[in-house]
Amino acid sequence: MPDNAPPNPTPDKPAQAAPRPSPASQPNAGHIPITEELDSAKWTLPPILPLLAGLALVAVVLAVVLTTTKAKPSASLKINKVVSADQQGNTMVAVQVKVDNQVETPLWIQNINAELEMPDGRKYRDRAATSVDAPRYMEAFPALEEARADWLHEELKIPSKTSYTGTAIFSFPVSKVTFDGRKAISLRIEMYDHPSMVVVETPPAKP
């Protein structure tokens, strides 16, 4: 009897799973593919114009802060007289100055120094005589009397909004003739809690 039964169907092959990418082909945080870095919008730089505008704004604010916080002068300083006297090869010098306190608080003098500058570039520095020694020098060298005033000395207090005229005495290791040919003499007054002040006296040119 003929076998009319259909032949056994060939069993279907199981579908093959798609190959898993190897770990080396997967991007991570430390190894972004260069194509993604260049092509993806999320990796682009910020617009240049807003960045430049922000930098300009910061520069303007910084300039305003520096201008408004710049230290204002606490006083004005003026040399009224410079008188010298010979001291056996050295020169005693009396410098009379006027100090105008321009702030709302007293000024306290910390140090007083003078610098003598010669035409050839040599410089000599000295610290002002104390309020105890200065009167003795004035008495020993009568020529200094021309610059006499109240003593300008360390720890001197100058009240707010007032003026003070004082004399400081110095000694320099040059002859009086050499001193008279000086290029300039400058006076520097250092204050407690205020900027230092410097004033320079240049003698008139000789005819």
N, C-alpha and C. Protein backbone atom coordinates (compact mmCIF):
# COMPACT_ATOMS: atom_id res chain seq x y z
N MET A 1 0.87 -1.17 0.00
CA MET A 1 0.00 0.00 0.00
C MET A 1 0.92 1.22 0.00
N PRO A 2 0.70 2.10 -0.96
CA PRO A 2 1.61 3.28 -1.04
C PRO A 2 1.49 4.15 0.18
N ASP A 3 2.60 4.67 0.55
CA ASP A 3 2.64 5.55 1.74
C ASP A 3 2.38 6.97 1.28
N ASN A 4 1.14 7.43 1.57
CA ASN A 4 0.78 8.82 1.17
C ASN A 4 1.13 9.85 2.23
N ALA A 5 1.72 9.45 3.31
CA ALA A 5 2.06 10.43 4.39
C ALA A 5 3.17 11.35 3.92
N PRO A 6 3.03 12.60 4.21
CA PRO A 6 4.07 13.58 3.77
C PRO A 6 5.38 13.27 4.43
N PRO A 7 6.42 13.55 3.71
CA PRO A 7 7.75 13.28 4.31
C PRO A 7 7.97 14.14 5.54
N ASN A 8 8.76 13.61 6.41
CA ASN A 8 9.06 14.38 7.64
C ASN A 8 9.73 15.70 7.29
N PRO A 9 9.16 16.80 7.78
CA PRO A 9 9.78 18.12 7.47
C PRO A 9 11.13 18.24 8.15
N THR A 10 11.97 18.94 7.42
CA THR A 10 13.31 19.19 7.99
C THR A 10 13.20 20.20 9.13
N PRO A 11 13.67 19.87 10.28
CA PRO A 11 13.52 20.82 11.42
C PRO A 11 14.26 22.13 11.17
N ASP A 12 13.54 23.21 11.54
CA ASP A 12 14.15 24.55 11.34
C ASP A 12 15.38 24.70 12.22
N LYS A 13 16.40 25.37 11.63
CA LYS A 13 17.60 25.67 12.40
C LYS A 13 17.34 26.81 13.37
N PRO A 14 17.81 26.68 14.54
CA PRO A 14 17.58 27.79 15.50
C PRO A 14 18.27 29.07 15.01
N ALA A 15 17.54 30.17 15.23
CA ALA A 15 18.09 31.47 14.80
C ALA A 15 19.35 31.80 15.58
N GLN A 16 20.35 32.26 14.88
CA GLN A 16 21.61 32.60 15.53
C GLN A 16 21.52 34.00 16.16
N ALA A 17 21.97 34.07 17.37
CA ALA A 17 21.95 35.39 18.06
C ALA A 17 22.98 36.31 17.44
N ALA A 18 22.59 37.58 17.39
CA ALA A 18 23.52 38.58 16.83
C ALA A 18 24.79 38.60 17.64
N PRO A 19 25.90 38.69 16.99
CA PRO A 19 27.19 38.71 17.75
C PRO A 19 27.26 39.90 18.69
N ARG A 20 27.70 39.66 19.92
CA ARG A 20 27.85 40.72 20.93
C ARG A 20 29.15 41.46 20.66
N PRO A 21 29.05 42.74 20.72
CA PRO A 21 30.29 43.51 20.50
C PRO A 21 31.29 43.22 21.61
N SER A 22 32.51 43.18 21.19
CA SER A 22 33.55 42.93 22.19
C SER A 22 33.70 44.13 23.10
N PRO A 23 34.16 43.89 24.31
CA PRO A 23 34.34 45.02 25.23
C PRO A 23 35.24 46.10 24.67
N ALA A 24 36.21 45.70 23.83
CA ALA A 24 37.13 46.70 23.29
C ALA A 24 36.44 47.66 22.37
N SER A 25 35.26 47.19 21.72
CA SER A 25 34.57 48.07 20.78
C SER A 25 33.56 48.97 21.44
N GLN A 26 33.32 48.82 22.76
CA GLN A 26 32.34 49.64 23.46
C GLN A 26 33.03 50.88 24.04
N PRO A 27 32.47 52.07 23.76
CA PRO A 27 33.09 53.30 24.31
C PRO A 27 32.87 53.38 25.81
N ASN A 28 33.82 53.98 26.47
CA ASN A 28 33.64 54.26 27.89
C ASN A 28 33.97 55.71 28.14
N ALA A 29 33.85 56.10 29.42
CA ALA A 29 34.01 57.52 29.76
C ALA A 29 35.39 58.02 29.42
N GLY A 30 36.39 57.18 29.50
CA GLY A 30 37.75 57.62 29.26
C GLY A 30 38.20 57.45 27.83
N HIS A 31 37.40 56.76 27.00
CA HIS A 31 37.79 56.52 25.60
C HIS A 31 36.59 56.77 24.70
N ILE A 32 36.30 58.04 24.44
CA ILE A 32 35.20 58.41 23.56
C ILE A 32 35.70 58.34 22.12
N PRO A 33 35.02 57.64 21.24
CA PRO A 33 35.47 57.57 19.85
C PRO A 33 35.59 58.95 19.25
N ILE A 34 36.60 59.16 18.43
CA ILE A 34 36.84 60.48 17.86
C ILE A 34 35.68 60.92 16.99
N THR A 35 34.98 59.97 16.35
CA THR A 35 33.85 60.34 15.51
C THR A 35 32.73 60.92 16.33
N GLU A 36 32.52 60.34 17.53
CA GLU A 36 31.46 60.87 18.40
C GLU A 36 31.84 62.24 18.92
N GLU A 37 33.13 62.44 19.21
CA GLU A 37 33.56 63.71 19.75
C GLU A 37 33.38 64.83 18.74
N LEU A 38 33.58 64.53 17.46
CA LEU A 38 33.50 65.56 16.44
C LEU A 38 32.09 65.71 15.88
N ASP A 39 31.34 64.63 15.83
CA ASP A 39 30.05 64.67 15.17
C ASP A 39 28.90 65.00 16.10
N SER A 40 29.00 64.60 17.36
CA SER A 40 27.86 64.77 18.26
C SER A 40 27.79 66.20 18.75
N ALA A 41 26.59 66.76 18.81
CA ALA A 41 26.40 68.15 19.24
C ALA A 41 26.74 68.34 20.70
N LYS A 42 26.64 67.28 21.49
CA LYS A 42 26.85 67.45 22.92
C LYS A 42 28.32 67.62 23.27
N TRP A 43 29.23 67.44 22.30
CA TRP A 43 30.65 67.59 22.58
C TRP A 43 31.23 68.88 21.98
N THR A 44 30.39 69.76 21.46
CA THR A 44 30.88 71.00 20.83
C THR A 44 31.19 72.04 21.89
N LEU A 45 32.10 72.99 21.56
CA LEU A 45 32.47 74.06 22.46
C LEU A 45 31.34 75.08 22.57
N PRO A 46 31.30 75.89 23.67
CA PRO A 46 30.26 76.91 23.78
C PRO A 46 30.49 77.99 22.74
N PRO A 47 29.45 78.74 22.39
CA PRO A 47 29.60 79.83 21.41
C PRO A 47 30.64 80.83 21.88
N ILE A 48 31.42 81.33 20.95
CA ILE A 48 32.54 82.21 21.30
C ILE A 48 32.09 83.59 21.74
N LEU A 49 31.04 84.15 21.15
CA LEU A 49 30.61 85.51 21.48
C LEU A 49 30.16 85.66 22.93
N PRO A 50 29.29 84.78 23.45
CA PRO A 50 28.94 84.91 24.88
C PRO A 50 30.14 84.76 25.80
N LEU A 51 31.10 83.91 25.41
CA LEU A 51 32.30 83.73 26.24
C LEU A 51 33.13 85.00 26.29
N LEU A 52 33.32 85.64 25.14
CA LEU A 52 34.07 86.90 25.10
C LEU A 52 33.35 88.00 25.87
N ALA A 53 32.02 88.04 25.76
CA ALA A 53 31.25 89.04 26.50
C ALA A 53 31.40 88.86 28.00
N GLY A 54 31.42 87.60 28.45
CA GLY A 54 31.60 87.34 29.88
C GLY A 54 32.96 87.77 30.37
N LEU A 55 34.01 87.50 29.58
CA LEU A 55 35.35 87.91 29.96
C LEU A 55 35.46 89.44 30.01
N ALA A 56 34.83 90.13 29.06
CA ALA A 56 34.87 91.59 29.06
C ALA A 56 34.17 92.15 30.29
N LEU A 57 33.06 91.55 30.69
CA LEU A 57 32.34 92.01 31.87
C LEU A 57 33.18 91.83 33.13
N VAL A 58 33.88 90.70 33.23
CA VAL A 58 34.75 90.47 34.39
C VAL A 58 35.87 91.50 34.43
N ALA A 59 36.44 91.84 33.28
CA ALA A 59 37.52 92.82 33.23
C ALA A 59 37.03 94.20 33.68
N VAL A 60 35.81 94.58 33.26
CA VAL A 60 35.25 95.88 33.66
C VAL A 60 35.03 95.93 35.16
N VAL A 61 34.46 94.88 35.73
CA VAL A 61 34.21 94.84 37.17
C VAL A 61 35.51 94.92 37.95
N LEU A 62 36.54 94.19 37.49
CA LEU A 62 37.83 94.22 38.17
C LEU A 62 38.46 95.61 38.12
N ALA A 63 38.34 96.29 36.98
CA ALA A 63 38.90 97.64 36.86
C ALA A 63 38.20 98.61 37.80
N VAL A 64 36.88 98.49 37.94
CA VAL A 64 36.13 99.37 38.83
C VAL A 64 36.54 99.14 40.28
N VAL A 65 36.71 97.88 40.66
CA VAL A 65 37.11 97.56 42.04
C VAL A 65 38.48 98.11 42.35
N LEU A 66 39.43 97.95 41.44
CA LEU A 66 40.78 98.46 41.67
C LEU A 66 40.81 99.97 41.76
N THR A 67 39.98 100.63 40.96
CA THR A 67 39.96 102.10 40.98
C THR A 67 39.36 102.63 42.27
N THR A 68 38.28 102.03 42.73
CA THR A 68 37.59 102.53 43.92
C THR A 68 38.33 102.20 45.21
N THR A 69 39.16 101.14 45.17
CA THR A 69 39.87 100.74 46.39
C THR A 69 41.30 101.26 46.43
N LYS A 70 41.71 102.07 45.47
CA LYS A 70 43.07 102.62 45.46
C LYS A 70 43.27 103.51 46.67
N ALA A 71 44.43 103.31 47.32
CA ALA A 71 44.70 104.06 48.55
C ALA A 71 44.78 105.55 48.26
N LYS A 72 44.05 106.33 49.03
CA LYS A 72 44.07 107.77 48.90
C LYS A 72 45.17 108.34 49.79
N PRO A 73 45.77 109.46 49.36
CA PRO A 73 46.84 110.04 50.19
C PRO A 73 46.31 110.45 51.55
N SER A 74 47.09 110.14 52.59
CA SER A 74 46.67 110.47 53.94
C SER A 74 47.11 111.86 54.35
N ALA A 75 48.11 112.40 53.66
CA ALA A 75 48.62 113.72 54.02
C ALA A 75 49.44 114.26 52.86
N SER A 76 49.67 115.57 52.92
CA SER A 76 50.60 116.18 51.97
C SER A 76 51.84 116.59 52.73
N LEU A 77 52.96 116.60 52.04
CA LEU A 77 54.25 116.86 52.67
C LEU A 77 55.02 117.86 51.82
N LYS A 78 55.56 118.89 52.46
CA LYS A 78 56.28 119.93 51.74
C LYS A 78 57.52 120.32 52.53
N ILE A 79 58.65 120.44 51.83
CA ILE A 79 59.88 120.91 52.46
C ILE A 79 59.92 122.43 52.40
N ASN A 80 60.02 123.07 53.55
CA ASN A 80 60.10 124.53 53.61
C ASN A 80 61.54 125.03 53.50
N LYS A 81 62.46 124.40 54.25
CA LYS A 81 63.85 124.85 54.29
C LYS A 81 64.79 123.66 54.46
N VAL A 82 65.99 123.83 53.90
CA VAL A 82 67.09 122.88 54.12
C VAL A 82 68.31 123.71 54.49
N VAL A 83 68.82 123.52 55.71
CA VAL A 83 69.95 124.30 56.21
C VAL A 83 71.06 123.34 56.61
N SER A 84 72.30 123.69 56.31
CA SER A 84 73.42 122.79 56.61
C SER A 84 74.49 123.52 57.42
N ALA A 85 75.30 122.72 58.12
CA ALA A 85 76.41 123.26 58.92
C ALA A 85 77.55 122.27 58.87
N ASP A 86 78.78 122.78 58.74
CA ASP A 86 79.95 121.93 58.66
C ASP A 86 80.26 121.30 60.02
N GLN A 87 80.66 120.02 59.99
CA GLN A 87 80.99 119.29 61.23
C GLN A 87 82.29 118.50 61.02
N GLN A 88 83.38 119.20 60.81
CA GLN A 88 84.69 118.57 60.67
C GLN A 88 84.69 117.44 59.63
N GLY A 89 84.33 117.78 58.43
CA GLY A 89 84.30 116.79 57.34
C GLY A 89 82.93 116.19 57.10
N ASN A 90 82.07 116.20 58.10
CA ASN A 90 80.68 115.78 57.92
C ASN A 90 79.80 117.02 57.80
N THR A 91 78.53 116.81 57.52
CA THR A 91 77.60 117.93 57.41
C THR A 91 76.34 117.63 58.20
N MET A 92 75.98 118.54 59.11
CA MET A 92 74.70 118.45 59.82
C MET A 92 73.66 119.18 59.00
N VAL A 93 72.50 118.58 58.86
CA VAL A 93 71.45 119.13 58.00
C VAL A 93 70.14 119.19 58.78
N ALA A 94 69.51 120.37 58.76
CA ALA A 94 68.19 120.55 59.35
C ALA A 94 67.17 120.72 58.22
N VAL A 95 66.15 119.88 58.23
CA VAL A 95 65.12 119.93 57.19
C VAL A 95 63.80 120.29 57.86
N GLN A 96 63.25 121.42 57.45
CA GLN A 96 61.95 121.86 57.99
C GLN A 96 60.86 121.50 56.99
N VAL A 97 59.84 120.82 57.46
CA VAL A 97 58.76 120.37 56.58
C VAL A 97 57.40 120.74 57.18
N LYS A 98 56.40 120.74 56.30
CA LYS A 98 55.03 120.96 56.71
C LYS A 98 54.20 119.75 56.33
N VAL A 99 53.51 119.19 57.32
CA VAL A 99 52.67 118.01 57.10
C VAL A 99 51.21 118.41 57.27
N ASP A 100 50.39 118.14 56.27
CA ASP A 100 48.95 118.41 56.34
C ASP A 100 48.21 117.07 56.43
N ASN A 101 47.59 116.81 57.58
CA ASN A 101 46.81 115.60 57.76
C ASN A 101 45.47 115.77 57.04
N GLN A 102 45.19 114.91 56.06
CA GLN A 102 43.98 115.04 55.24
C GLN A 102 42.93 113.98 55.53
N VAL A 103 43.11 113.19 56.56
CA VAL A 103 42.16 112.11 56.86
C VAL A 103 41.43 112.41 58.16
N GLU A 104 40.44 111.58 58.45
CA GLU A 104 39.60 111.79 59.63
C GLU A 104 40.19 111.21 60.90
N THR A 105 41.35 110.60 60.81
CA THR A 105 41.98 109.99 61.97
C THR A 105 43.37 110.60 62.18
N PRO A 106 43.91 110.52 63.38
CA PRO A 106 45.26 111.05 63.62
C PRO A 106 46.31 110.26 62.83
N LEU A 107 47.43 110.91 62.56
CA LEU A 107 48.57 110.26 61.95
C LEU A 107 49.65 110.06 63.01
N TRP A 108 50.18 108.86 63.05
CA TRP A 108 51.26 108.54 63.99
C TRP A 108 52.52 108.25 63.19
N ILE A 109 53.57 109.03 63.45
CA ILE A 109 54.82 108.85 62.71
C ILE A 109 55.60 107.69 63.29
N GLN A 110 56.03 106.79 62.43
CA GLN A 110 56.80 105.62 62.84
C GLN A 110 58.31 105.83 62.64
N ASN A 111 58.70 106.25 61.44
CA ASN A 111 60.12 106.46 61.13
C ASN A 111 60.28 107.69 60.24
N ILE A 112 61.44 108.34 60.36
CA ILE A 112 61.78 109.49 59.52
C ILE A 112 63.19 109.26 58.98
N ASN A 113 63.32 109.26 57.66
CA ASN A 113 64.62 109.01 57.03
C ASN A 113 64.85 110.04 55.93
N ALA A 114 66.11 110.31 55.68
CA ALA A 114 66.49 111.22 54.59
C ALA A 114 67.51 110.54 53.71
N GLU A 115 67.50 110.90 52.43
CA GLU A 115 68.47 110.37 51.48
C GLU A 115 69.08 111.52 50.70
N LEU A 116 70.41 111.57 50.69
CA LEU A 116 71.16 112.58 49.95
C LEU A 116 71.67 111.94 48.67
N GLU A 117 71.39 112.57 47.55
CA GLU A 117 71.84 112.07 46.25
C GLU A 117 72.78 113.08 45.61
N MET A 118 73.93 112.60 45.18
CA MET A 118 74.94 113.45 44.57
C MET A 118 74.85 113.37 43.04
N PRO A 119 75.40 114.35 42.33
CA PRO A 119 75.34 114.33 40.87
C PRO A 119 75.99 113.10 40.23
N ASP A 120 76.98 112.52 40.91
CA ASP A 120 77.65 111.34 40.35
C ASP A 120 76.93 110.03 40.68
N GLY A 121 75.76 110.12 41.31
CA GLY A 121 74.97 108.93 41.60
C GLY A 121 75.15 108.37 42.99
N ARG A 122 76.13 108.87 43.74
CA ARG A 122 76.30 108.39 45.11
C ARG A 122 75.11 108.80 45.98
N LYS A 123 74.74 107.92 46.92
CA LYS A 123 73.61 108.19 47.80
C LYS A 123 74.01 107.91 49.24
N TYR A 124 73.51 108.75 50.14
CA TYR A 124 73.77 108.59 51.57
C TYR A 124 72.43 108.68 52.30
N ARG A 125 72.24 107.80 53.27
CA ARG A 125 70.99 107.77 54.02
C ARG A 125 71.26 107.96 55.50
N ASP A 126 70.29 108.57 56.18
CA ASP A 126 70.42 108.74 57.62
C ASP A 126 69.02 108.79 58.23
N ARG A 127 68.97 108.41 59.50
CA ARG A 127 67.72 108.44 60.26
C ARG A 127 67.69 109.71 61.10
N ALA A 128 66.52 110.30 61.25
CA ALA A 128 66.39 111.57 61.96
C ALA A 128 66.83 111.42 63.41
N ALA A 129 67.45 112.48 63.92
CA ALA A 129 67.85 112.51 65.32
C ALA A 129 66.60 112.46 66.21
N THR A 130 66.74 111.88 67.37
CA THR A 130 65.61 111.79 68.29
C THR A 130 65.26 113.17 68.84
N SER A 131 64.11 113.27 69.46
CA SER A 131 63.68 114.55 70.04
C SER A 131 64.55 114.96 71.22
N VAL A 132 65.34 114.01 71.75
CA VAL A 132 66.28 114.32 72.83
C VAL A 132 67.58 114.88 72.26
N ASP A 133 68.09 114.30 71.17
CA ASP A 133 69.36 114.72 70.59
C ASP A 133 69.24 115.95 69.70
N ALA A 134 68.10 116.11 69.03
CA ALA A 134 67.95 117.21 68.08
C ALA A 134 68.20 118.59 68.70
N PRO A 135 67.66 118.90 69.88
CA PRO A 135 67.94 120.21 70.48
C PRO A 135 69.43 120.43 70.74
N ARG A 136 70.16 119.40 71.10
CA ARG A 136 71.60 119.53 71.35
C ARG A 136 72.34 119.90 70.06
N TYR A 137 71.94 119.25 68.95
CA TYR A 137 72.58 119.57 67.67
C TYR A 137 72.26 121.01 67.26
N MET A 138 71.04 121.43 67.48
CA MET A 138 70.66 122.80 67.12
C MET A 138 71.47 123.81 67.92
N GLU A 139 71.72 123.51 69.18
CA GLU A 139 72.51 124.40 70.02
C GLU A 139 73.99 124.37 69.65
N ALA A 140 74.50 123.21 69.28
CA ALA A 140 75.91 123.08 68.93
C ALA A 140 76.23 123.69 67.57
N PHE A 141 75.24 123.76 66.68
CA PHE A 141 75.46 124.31 65.34
C PHE A 141 74.45 125.43 65.10
N PRO A 142 74.79 126.65 65.49
CA PRO A 142 73.87 127.78 65.39
C PRO A 142 73.35 128.04 63.97
N ALA A 143 74.10 127.62 62.95
CA ALA A 143 73.65 127.84 61.57
C ALA A 143 72.33 127.12 61.28
N LEU A 144 72.04 126.08 62.05
CA LEU A 144 70.80 125.33 61.84
C LEU A 144 69.57 126.07 62.36
N GLU A 145 69.79 127.13 63.14
CA GLU A 145 68.68 127.88 63.73
C GLU A 145 67.71 128.41 62.68
N GLU A 146 68.20 128.62 61.49
CA GLU A 146 67.35 129.17 60.41
C GLU A 146 66.17 128.25 60.11
N ALA A 147 66.32 126.96 60.37
CA ALA A 147 65.24 126.00 60.09
C ALA A 147 64.53 125.57 61.36
N ARG A 148 64.70 126.29 62.45
CA ARG A 148 64.09 125.89 63.72
C ARG A 148 62.57 125.85 63.63
N ALA A 149 61.98 124.84 64.23
CA ALA A 149 60.53 124.68 64.37
C ALA A 149 60.32 123.61 65.43
N ASP A 150 59.08 123.24 65.67
CA ASP A 150 58.84 122.11 66.57
C ASP A 150 59.53 120.88 65.98
N TRP A 151 59.90 119.95 66.85
CA TRP A 151 60.65 118.79 66.39
C TRP A 151 59.75 117.78 65.69
N LEU A 152 60.25 117.32 64.55
CA LEU A 152 59.58 116.24 63.82
C LEU A 152 60.28 114.95 64.24
N HIS A 153 59.57 114.08 64.92
CA HIS A 153 60.23 112.92 65.51
C HIS A 153 59.31 111.70 65.46
N GLU A 154 59.89 110.53 65.76
CA GLU A 154 59.12 109.30 65.81
C GLU A 154 58.09 109.34 66.94
N GLU A 155 56.97 108.65 66.71
CA GLU A 155 55.85 108.57 67.66
C GLU A 155 55.11 109.90 67.79
N LEU A 156 55.38 110.82 66.88
CA LEU A 156 54.64 112.09 66.90
C LEU A 156 53.22 111.86 66.39
N LYS A 157 52.24 112.46 67.06
CA LYS A 157 50.84 112.35 66.68
C LYS A 157 50.38 113.66 66.06
N ILE A 158 49.83 113.58 64.85
CA ILE A 158 49.30 114.75 64.16
C ILE A 158 47.78 114.59 64.09
N PRO A 159 47.02 115.42 64.80
CA PRO A 159 45.56 115.24 64.83
C PRO A 159 44.92 115.35 63.45
N SER A 160 43.70 114.84 63.36
CA SER A 160 42.97 114.84 62.10
C SER A 160 42.73 116.26 61.61
N LYS A 161 42.89 116.44 60.29
CA LYS A 161 42.59 117.70 59.60
C LYS A 161 43.39 118.88 60.17
N THR A 162 44.60 118.63 60.57
CA THR A 162 45.46 119.71 61.08
C THR A 162 46.79 119.69 60.34
N SER A 163 47.53 120.79 60.48
CA SER A 163 48.85 120.91 59.88
C SER A 163 49.91 120.96 60.97
N TYR A 164 51.09 120.48 60.63
CA TYR A 164 52.20 120.48 61.58
C TYR A 164 53.47 120.86 60.84
N THR A 165 54.17 121.86 61.36
CA THR A 165 55.46 122.24 60.80
C THR A 165 56.54 121.82 61.78
N GLY A 166 57.45 121.00 61.33
CA GLY A 166 58.49 120.46 62.21
C GLY A 166 59.83 120.37 61.52
N THR A 167 60.87 120.20 62.32
CA THR A 167 62.24 120.11 61.82
C THR A 167 62.87 118.79 62.24
N ALA A 168 63.53 118.16 61.31
CA ALA A 168 64.29 116.93 61.58
C ALA A 168 65.75 117.19 61.24
N ILE A 169 66.66 116.62 62.01
CA ILE A 169 68.09 116.84 61.83
C ILE A 169 68.78 115.53 61.44
N PHE A 170 69.67 115.65 60.44
CA PHE A 170 70.39 114.49 59.91
C PHE A 170 71.87 114.82 59.82
N SER A 171 72.68 113.77 59.65
CA SER A 171 74.13 113.93 59.47
C SER A 171 74.56 113.07 58.29
N PHE A 172 75.37 113.68 57.38
CA PHE A 172 75.86 112.96 56.20
C PHE A 172 77.38 113.03 56.14
N PRO A 173 78.03 111.94 55.72
CA PRO A 173 79.50 111.87 55.71
C PRO A 173 80.12 112.54 54.49
N VAL A 174 79.77 113.79 54.25
CA VAL A 174 80.35 114.58 53.16
C VAL A 174 80.64 115.97 53.69
N SER A 175 81.51 116.69 53.02
CA SER A 175 81.79 118.07 53.43
C SER A 175 80.61 118.96 53.07
N LYS A 176 80.58 120.13 53.67
CA LYS A 176 79.49 121.07 53.39
C LYS A 176 79.52 121.51 51.93
N VAL A 177 80.73 121.70 51.41
CA VAL A 177 80.84 122.10 50.00
C VAL A 177 80.24 121.01 49.09
N THR A 178 80.55 119.76 49.41
CA THR A 178 79.97 118.65 48.64
C THR A 178 78.46 118.60 48.79
N PHE A 179 77.99 118.81 50.02
CA PHE A 179 76.54 118.79 50.25
C PHE A 179 75.85 119.91 49.46
N ASP A 180 76.45 121.07 49.44
CA ASP A 180 75.84 122.20 48.73
C ASP A 180 75.75 121.94 47.23
N GLY A 181 76.57 121.03 46.72
CA GLY A 181 76.51 120.68 45.30
C GLY A 181 75.66 119.46 45.03
N ARG A 182 74.81 119.12 45.96
CA ARG A 182 73.97 117.91 45.84
C ARG A 182 73.03 117.99 44.64
N LYS A 183 72.61 116.80 44.22
CA LYS A 183 71.57 116.72 43.20
C LYS A 183 70.19 116.88 43.82
N ALA A 184 69.96 116.23 44.98
CA ALA A 184 68.67 116.31 45.65
C ALA A 184 68.79 115.73 47.04
N ILE A 185 67.84 116.09 47.88
CA ILE A 185 67.69 115.45 49.18
C ILE A 185 66.20 115.13 49.35
N SER A 186 65.92 113.93 49.78
CA SER A 186 64.52 113.50 49.94
C SER A 186 64.26 113.11 51.38
N LEU A 187 63.03 113.31 51.78
CA LEU A 187 62.60 112.97 53.14
C LEU A 187 61.47 111.94 53.03
N ARG A 188 61.58 110.88 53.81
CA ARG A 188 60.57 109.82 53.82
C ARG A 188 60.03 109.66 55.23
N ILE A 189 58.71 109.79 55.36
CA ILE A 189 58.05 109.63 56.66
C ILE A 189 57.15 108.40 56.58
N GLU A 190 57.41 107.42 57.44
CA GLU A 190 56.60 106.21 57.50
C GLU A 190 55.60 106.35 58.64
N MET A 191 54.35 105.99 58.33
CA MET A 191 53.25 106.12 59.28
C MET A 191 52.78 104.75 59.77
N TYR A 192 52.15 104.74 60.93
CA TYR A 192 51.43 103.57 61.38
C TYR A 192 50.07 103.55 60.68
N ASP A 193 49.74 102.44 60.03
CA ASP A 193 48.42 102.23 59.43
C ASP A 193 48.09 103.21 58.31
N HIS A 194 49.07 103.89 57.75
CA HIS A 194 48.85 104.76 56.60
C HIS A 194 50.05 104.66 55.66
N PRO A 195 49.85 104.97 54.38
CA PRO A 195 50.97 104.89 53.44
C PRO A 195 52.09 105.87 53.81
N SER A 196 53.31 105.51 53.44
CA SER A 196 54.45 106.39 53.66
C SER A 196 54.37 107.60 52.74
N MET A 197 55.05 108.67 53.16
CA MET A 197 55.09 109.90 52.36
C MET A 197 56.53 110.21 52.03
N VAL A 198 56.77 110.67 50.80
CA VAL A 198 58.11 111.03 50.35
C VAL A 198 58.04 112.38 49.67
N VAL A 199 58.98 113.25 50.01
CA VAL A 199 59.07 114.56 49.36
C VAL A 199 60.54 114.79 49.00
N VAL A 200 60.76 115.40 47.84
CA VAL A 200 62.11 115.62 47.32
C VAL A 200 62.36 117.11 47.15
N GLU A 201 63.52 117.56 47.63
CA GLU A 201 63.94 118.95 47.44
C GLU A 201 65.14 118.97 46.49
N THR A 202 64.98 119.71 45.40
CA THR A 202 66.06 119.87 44.44
C THR A 202 66.55 121.31 44.50
N PRO A 203 67.81 121.54 44.83
CA PRO A 203 68.29 122.92 44.93
C PRO A 203 68.25 123.63 43.59
N PRO A 204 68.05 124.92 43.60
CA PRO A 204 68.02 125.66 42.33
C PRO A 204 69.35 125.58 41.62
N ALA A 205 69.29 125.61 40.31
CA ALA A 205 70.52 125.53 39.52
C ALA A 205 71.36 126.78 39.74
N LYS A 206 72.65 126.60 39.83
CA LYS A 206 73.54 127.73 40.04
C LYS A 206 73.75 128.48 38.72
N PRO A 207 73.81 129.81 38.78
CA PRO A 207 73.99 130.58 37.54
C PRO A 207 75.35 130.33 36.91
